Protein backbone atom coordinates (compact mmCIF):
# COMPACT_ATOMS: atom_id res chain seq x y z
CA MET A 1 128.29 56.45 9.44
CA PRO A 2 127.04 58.78 12.26
CA GLY A 3 124.99 56.97 14.84
CA SER A 4 126.44 53.48 14.22
CA PRO A 5 127.40 51.64 17.41
CA GLU A 6 130.92 51.60 18.76
CA PRO A 7 132.71 48.25 19.08
CA ALA A 8 132.21 46.90 22.58
CA ASP A 9 135.89 47.28 23.42
CA ARG A 10 136.22 50.80 22.03
CA PRO A 11 134.89 53.79 23.98
CA SER A 12 133.21 56.66 22.19
CA ARG A 13 135.52 59.55 21.46
CA VAL A 14 134.80 63.19 22.25
CA VAL A 15 136.81 66.19 21.02
CA VAL A 16 137.10 69.16 23.39
CA ALA A 17 138.16 72.25 21.44
CA VAL A 18 138.60 74.50 24.46
CA PRO A 19 141.91 76.23 25.35
CA PRO A 20 143.63 75.42 28.66
CA GLY A 21 142.63 78.63 30.45
CA LEU A 22 138.96 78.22 29.66
CA ARG A 23 139.03 74.48 30.40
CA ALA A 24 140.15 75.30 33.93
CA GLN A 25 137.22 77.69 34.29
CA PHE A 26 134.58 75.55 32.54
CA PHE A 27 135.20 72.06 33.84
CA THR A 28 135.42 71.18 37.51
CA THR A 29 137.51 68.15 38.40
CA GLU A 30 134.36 66.14 39.02
CA VAL A 31 132.76 67.05 35.69
CA TRP A 32 135.94 66.37 33.74
CA GLN A 33 136.39 62.99 35.41
CA GLU A 34 132.80 62.12 34.56
CA LEU A 35 133.45 62.89 30.91
CA GLU A 36 136.66 60.83 30.92
CA ARG A 37 134.84 57.86 32.48
CA ALA A 38 132.26 57.97 29.69
CA ALA A 39 134.46 58.58 26.68
CA GLU A 40 137.91 58.80 25.22
CA VAL A 41 138.64 62.53 25.32
CA THR A 42 140.78 64.28 22.71
CA VAL A 43 141.75 67.82 23.74
CA VAL A 44 142.63 70.52 21.22
CA ASP A 45 144.59 73.18 23.09
CA ASP A 46 144.96 75.45 20.07
CA HIS A 47 141.20 75.42 19.63
CA SER A 48 141.12 78.18 17.00
CA ASP A 49 143.51 76.25 14.73
CA ARG A 50 141.26 74.86 12.03
CA ALA A 51 143.78 72.22 10.98
CA ALA A 52 144.17 70.96 14.55
CA VAL A 53 140.42 70.62 15.04
CA THR A 54 140.06 68.94 11.65
CA ALA A 55 142.75 66.40 12.52
CA ALA A 56 140.97 65.52 15.76
CA LEU A 57 137.52 64.91 14.28
CA PRO A 58 137.76 61.53 12.51
CA GLY A 59 136.01 58.94 14.66
CA ALA A 60 134.66 61.46 17.19
CA ARG A 61 130.97 61.32 18.12
CA ALA A 62 130.85 64.71 19.84
CA LEU A 63 132.64 68.05 19.64
CA ILE A 64 132.64 70.58 22.49
CA THR A 65 133.39 74.08 21.22
CA SER A 66 134.20 77.41 22.82
CA TRP A 67 134.57 81.01 21.65
CA ARG A 68 136.77 81.55 18.57
CA ALA A 69 136.60 77.92 17.53
CA PRO A 70 136.56 77.32 13.75
CA LYS A 71 133.15 77.11 12.11
CA VAL A 72 131.93 73.57 11.50
CA ASP A 73 131.18 73.65 7.77
CA ALA A 74 131.10 71.15 4.91
CA GLU A 75 134.91 71.13 4.67
CA LEU A 76 135.32 70.29 8.34
CA LEU A 77 132.48 67.80 8.24
CA ALA A 78 134.24 65.89 5.49
CA HIS A 79 136.58 64.66 8.23
CA ALA A 80 133.85 64.16 10.87
CA ASP A 81 132.75 60.70 9.81
CA ARG A 82 131.01 59.83 13.10
CA LEU A 83 129.99 63.24 14.45
CA GLU A 84 126.56 63.34 16.09
CA LEU A 85 126.74 66.38 18.37
CA VAL A 86 128.28 69.85 18.52
CA ALA A 87 127.95 71.12 22.09
CA HIS A 88 128.80 74.81 22.33
CA THR A 89 129.81 76.22 25.70
CA GLY A 90 128.40 79.64 24.81
CA SER A 91 125.06 81.00 23.69
CA ALA A 92 124.85 81.94 20.00
CA VAL A 93 125.90 79.11 17.68
CA ALA A 94 125.86 81.00 14.37
CA PRO A 95 129.62 81.73 14.43
CA TYR A 96 130.43 78.05 14.97
CA VAL A 97 128.11 75.91 12.83
CA THR A 98 126.58 76.12 9.37
CA GLU A 99 123.37 74.87 7.80
CA GLU A 100 125.28 71.81 6.61
CA VAL A 101 125.49 70.60 10.22
CA PHE A 102 121.71 70.61 10.52
CA ARG A 103 121.26 69.06 7.05
CA ARG A 104 123.32 66.09 8.25
CA SER A 105 121.07 65.73 11.32
CA ILE A 106 123.93 66.48 13.68
CA LEU A 107 122.61 67.80 16.98
CA VAL A 108 123.67 71.28 18.08
CA THR A 109 123.34 72.48 21.66
CA GLN A 110 124.19 75.69 23.48
CA ALA A 111 124.63 76.71 27.11
CA GLY A 112 123.13 80.21 26.96
CA ASP A 113 120.55 79.53 29.65
CA GLU A 114 123.39 79.43 32.17
CA MET A 115 124.40 83.02 31.34
CA ALA A 116 121.06 84.63 32.05
CA ARG A 117 121.41 85.04 35.81
CA PRO A 118 124.92 86.54 36.03
CA VAL A 119 124.32 88.93 33.12
CA ALA A 120 121.03 89.98 34.70
CA GLU A 121 122.83 90.59 38.00
CA VAL A 122 125.40 92.80 36.29
CA ALA A 123 122.60 94.67 34.50
CA LEU A 124 120.96 95.19 37.90
CA ALA A 125 124.25 96.45 39.36
CA PHE A 126 124.55 98.83 36.40
CA THR A 127 120.97 99.99 36.97
CA LEU A 128 121.59 100.79 40.63
CA SER A 129 124.81 102.61 39.80
CA LEU A 130 123.10 104.79 37.20
CA LEU A 131 120.15 105.56 39.45
CA HIS A 132 122.43 106.64 42.29
CA ARG A 133 125.10 108.25 40.01
CA ILE A 134 127.82 106.11 41.59
CA GLN A 135 129.93 106.21 38.44
CA ARG A 136 129.91 110.03 38.50
CA PHE A 137 131.01 110.22 42.13
CA ASP A 138 133.74 107.64 41.60
CA HIS A 139 135.06 109.45 38.53
CA ALA A 140 135.06 112.79 40.34
CA LEU A 141 136.95 111.53 43.37
CA ARG A 142 139.49 109.59 41.32
CA GLY A 143 139.94 112.61 39.09
CA GLY A 144 141.00 114.78 42.03
CA LEU A 145 137.97 117.05 42.39
CA ASP A 146 137.49 118.57 45.82
CA TRP A 147 134.78 117.16 48.09
CA ALA A 148 132.14 119.75 47.27
CA ALA A 149 132.62 119.52 43.52
CA ALA A 150 132.71 115.71 43.65
CA SER A 151 129.39 115.73 45.52
CA GLU A 152 127.56 117.40 42.65
CA ALA A 153 125.44 115.14 40.44
CA PRO A 154 122.06 115.09 38.72
CA PRO A 155 119.08 113.96 40.83
CA ARG A 156 119.37 110.46 42.22
CA HIS A 157 116.62 107.87 42.53
CA GLU A 158 115.78 104.60 44.23
CA ILE A 159 114.86 101.61 42.10
CA HIS A 160 111.66 101.12 44.09
CA GLY A 161 108.97 102.84 42.08
CA SER A 162 111.26 103.70 39.17
CA GLU A 163 110.13 103.09 35.61
CA ILE A 164 112.47 100.53 34.08
CA GLY A 165 112.28 99.76 30.37
CA VAL A 166 113.48 96.43 29.00
CA ILE A 167 114.13 95.93 25.29
CA GLY A 168 113.79 92.22 24.65
CA ALA A 169 112.11 89.61 26.86
CA SER A 170 114.99 87.19 26.27
CA ARG A 171 116.27 84.70 28.85
CA THR A 172 118.48 87.41 30.29
CA GLY A 173 115.78 90.04 29.91
CA ARG A 174 113.36 87.97 31.95
CA ALA A 175 115.95 87.28 34.63
CA TYR A 176 116.62 91.02 34.83
CA ILE A 177 112.89 91.72 35.00
CA ARG A 178 112.50 89.39 37.98
CA LEU A 179 115.38 91.04 39.83
CA THR A 180 114.15 94.59 39.26
CA GLN A 181 110.56 93.68 40.10
CA ALA A 182 111.75 92.13 43.37
CA MET A 183 113.20 95.55 44.25
CA GLY A 184 109.96 97.35 43.49
CA ALA A 185 110.54 98.67 39.97
CA ARG A 186 107.71 99.22 37.50
CA VAL A 187 108.75 97.41 34.33
CA SER A 188 107.75 98.00 30.72
CA VAL A 189 108.91 95.77 27.87
CA THR A 190 109.28 96.17 24.13
CA ASP A 191 109.38 92.84 22.33
CA PRO A 192 107.45 92.04 19.14
CA PHE A 193 107.30 88.37 20.11
CA LEU A 194 105.94 88.91 23.63
CA SER A 195 102.21 88.22 23.71
CA GLU A 196 99.85 90.16 25.95
CA ALA A 197 99.20 86.99 27.94
CA GLU A 198 102.94 86.46 28.49
CA ALA A 199 103.37 90.10 29.50
CA GLN A 200 100.64 89.73 32.09
CA ALA A 201 102.11 86.46 33.32
CA ILE A 202 105.50 88.05 34.03
CA GLY A 203 103.97 91.23 35.41
CA VAL A 204 105.12 93.76 32.83
CA THR A 205 103.47 96.28 30.55
CA SER A 206 104.07 95.72 26.85
CA VAL A 207 104.59 99.03 25.02
CA PRO A 208 106.04 100.29 21.73
CA LEU A 209 109.73 101.18 21.72
CA GLU A 210 109.10 104.93 21.47
CA THR A 211 106.83 104.83 24.54
CA LEU A 212 109.32 102.78 26.53
CA LEU A 213 112.19 105.13 25.73
CA SER A 214 110.27 108.29 26.53
CA ARG A 215 109.05 107.22 29.96
CA SER A 216 111.81 105.01 31.41
CA ARG A 217 114.33 106.16 33.98
CA ILE A 218 116.57 103.24 32.99
CA VAL A 219 116.50 101.40 29.65
CA ALA A 220 118.14 97.96 29.63
CA VAL A 221 118.95 96.33 26.29
CA HIS A 222 118.43 92.56 26.16
CA ALA A 223 117.35 91.98 22.55
CA PRO A 224 118.83 89.22 20.35
CA VAL A 225 121.41 89.99 17.70
CA THR A 226 119.67 89.68 14.33
CA GLU A 227 119.63 91.63 11.10
CA GLU A 228 116.45 93.35 12.30
CA THR A 229 117.95 94.56 15.59
CA HIS A 230 121.11 96.10 14.13
CA ARG A 231 121.51 99.64 15.53
CA MET A 232 117.92 99.59 16.76
CA ILE A 233 118.92 102.28 19.27
CA GLY A 234 120.23 105.26 17.33
CA ALA A 235 120.24 109.03 17.63
CA ALA A 236 116.47 109.36 17.18
CA GLN A 237 115.75 106.77 19.84
CA LEU A 238 118.27 108.18 22.33
CA ALA A 239 116.74 111.65 21.88
CA LEU A 240 113.44 110.27 23.20
CA MET A 241 114.96 109.37 26.58
CA PRO A 242 114.27 111.85 29.40
CA ASP A 243 117.04 114.07 30.75
CA GLY A 244 119.00 112.17 33.39
CA ALA A 245 117.91 108.73 32.17
CA GLY A 246 120.36 105.87 31.81
CA LEU A 247 121.08 103.18 29.22
CA VAL A 248 122.30 99.72 30.26
CA ASN A 249 123.86 97.46 27.62
CA THR A 250 125.10 94.02 28.66
CA ALA A 251 123.89 92.42 25.40
CA ARG A 252 125.85 93.42 22.28
CA SER A 253 127.06 96.70 20.81
CA TRP A 254 125.36 95.56 17.60
CA LEU A 255 122.06 96.80 19.06
CA VAL A 256 123.17 100.38 19.73
CA ASP A 257 124.65 102.98 17.41
CA GLU A 258 127.84 103.57 19.37
CA ASN A 259 128.65 106.87 17.66
CA ALA A 260 125.18 108.22 18.39
CA LEU A 261 125.45 107.07 21.99
CA LEU A 262 128.85 108.72 22.38
CA ALA A 263 127.49 111.99 20.98
CA GLU A 264 124.57 111.92 23.43
CA LEU A 265 126.71 110.98 26.42
CA THR A 266 129.24 113.71 25.66
CA THR A 267 126.53 116.29 26.34
CA GLY A 268 126.05 114.84 29.82
CA ARG A 269 122.29 114.60 29.32
CA LEU A 270 122.20 110.81 29.74
CA ASP A 271 124.21 108.26 31.70
CA ALA A 272 125.18 104.79 30.50
CA ALA A 273 126.66 101.54 31.73
CA ILE A 274 128.26 99.45 29.01
CA ASP A 275 129.83 95.99 28.94
CA VAL A 276 130.04 95.53 25.16
CA PHE A 277 131.70 97.61 22.45
CA ASP A 278 132.16 97.81 18.69
CA ALA A 279 135.92 97.45 19.14
CA GLU A 280 137.08 94.92 21.71
CA PRO A 281 139.46 95.45 23.39
CA LEU A 282 138.21 99.00 23.84
CA PRO A 283 141.03 101.31 22.67
CA ALA A 284 142.90 103.01 25.49
CA ASP A 285 142.12 106.41 24.02
CA HIS A 286 138.44 105.78 23.38
CA PRO A 287 136.33 108.80 24.46
CA PHE A 288 134.06 106.56 26.57
CA ARG A 289 136.92 106.13 29.04
CA ALA A 290 137.03 109.83 29.87
CA LEU A 291 133.33 110.46 30.44
CA PRO A 292 132.22 110.84 34.06
CA ASN A 293 128.66 109.71 33.30
CA VAL A 294 129.68 106.33 31.89
CA LEU A 295 130.35 103.06 33.73
CA LEU A 296 132.48 100.62 31.74
CA THR A 297 133.32 96.92 32.12
CA PRO A 298 135.38 94.84 29.63
CA HIS A 299 132.73 92.39 28.35
CA GLN A 300 132.68 90.44 31.59
CA ALA A 301 129.00 90.30 32.53
CA ALA A 302 128.90 86.50 32.24
CA GLY A 303 132.33 85.98 33.77
CA SER A 304 131.41 84.72 37.23
CA VAL A 305 133.07 81.55 38.52
CA GLU A 306 129.69 79.90 38.90
CA CYS A 307 128.56 80.79 35.39
CA ARG A 308 131.72 79.53 33.71
CA GLN A 309 131.42 76.22 35.55
CA ARG A 310 127.76 75.88 34.58
CA LEU A 311 128.66 76.46 30.92
CA GLY A 312 131.11 73.57 30.99
CA THR A 313 128.79 71.34 32.95
CA SER A 314 125.95 72.02 30.52
CA ALA A 315 128.06 71.03 27.50
CA VAL A 316 129.40 67.88 29.18
CA ASN A 317 125.90 66.88 30.24
CA GLU A 318 124.73 67.11 26.64
CA VAL A 319 127.57 64.80 25.60
CA LEU A 320 126.75 62.36 28.38
CA ARG A 321 123.12 62.33 27.32
CA LEU A 322 124.15 61.54 23.75
CA LEU A 323 126.37 58.66 24.86
CA ALA A 324 123.56 57.31 27.00
CA GLY A 325 121.11 57.45 24.09
CA ARG A 326 119.06 60.27 25.60
CA PRO A 327 117.86 63.45 23.84
CA PRO A 328 119.63 66.77 24.48
CA VAL A 329 118.18 69.37 26.83
CA HIS A 330 119.37 72.54 25.08
CA ALA A 331 119.22 71.66 21.39
CA VAL A 332 118.76 74.42 18.84
CA THR A 333 117.36 74.30 15.33
CA VAL A 334 118.67 75.82 12.12
CA ASP A 335 116.67 78.95 13.01
CA ALA A 336 119.36 79.68 15.61
CA LEU A 337 121.65 80.74 12.78
CA THR A 338 119.69 83.97 12.44
CA ARG A 339 121.08 85.04 15.82
CA LEU A 340 124.38 86.32 14.56
CA HIS A 341 126.55 86.44 17.70
């Protein structure tokens, strides 16, 4: 049964369902060696193959998962006779575990804290680009416009003194707030779970969404993905943004009505910087690609070398803590399943 001691001559076994390319990014040599010293490691290269993961689970005390791994449900758990921990190398766990995992008192951990800084840095880079219209100048020059025509752009602004609106005081949202505040921005936040005391503590003004949209030069989306936040930014909300304002989305396309955003951006009234899309990969003929007022990246905001290594280290550390009889650092409860992806 889960939790029973291993025979003295038999090391604990850990399943790593992470494909080779990601393993190279997630696990440094030192971290991998530390895991191998502590446990017998079974690697599943074809990590999205449900049958392969199922076959590896009998006898394993811990499972390390990565994106596109099969969901750990009752069927999979029927083969996981000793499983005590699912350590996910990403943030949201809803795509990878079910309520049955929590009902069996199996620990679930995530590494999302490690993503906050790099995503916030990309959101800051997006913010600066939109304020200074860098994406418009780059598009104009690459598109062959002459120097004078390429030099034309809406008014540009410095971040110091600019009104920045943040939707969601999440881990990433707070990291972004700190970065923009350090550069002199005035920050407002919309978050129904942010108390007035917390707002004061982090130096922001808490305002309703409509107020934030209507007065912000840049709006950065950092809300969680839940049923309540689906398409929370639609045509009516975008219409509230001032002429020349910019929208930054490094969270999920789930939060923004992409069709409404495209319609607004096509007019040229707003600018946007987007890392996440309804369809990924973004189709080669998608209208976003042709707009001069849009900065695009292919869902890579958390893709820094340092971040990927921290994700792997975080998951391994949770396994090592389990094997040493210590509690996890980044455990989540069944409530985490309401964050959809």
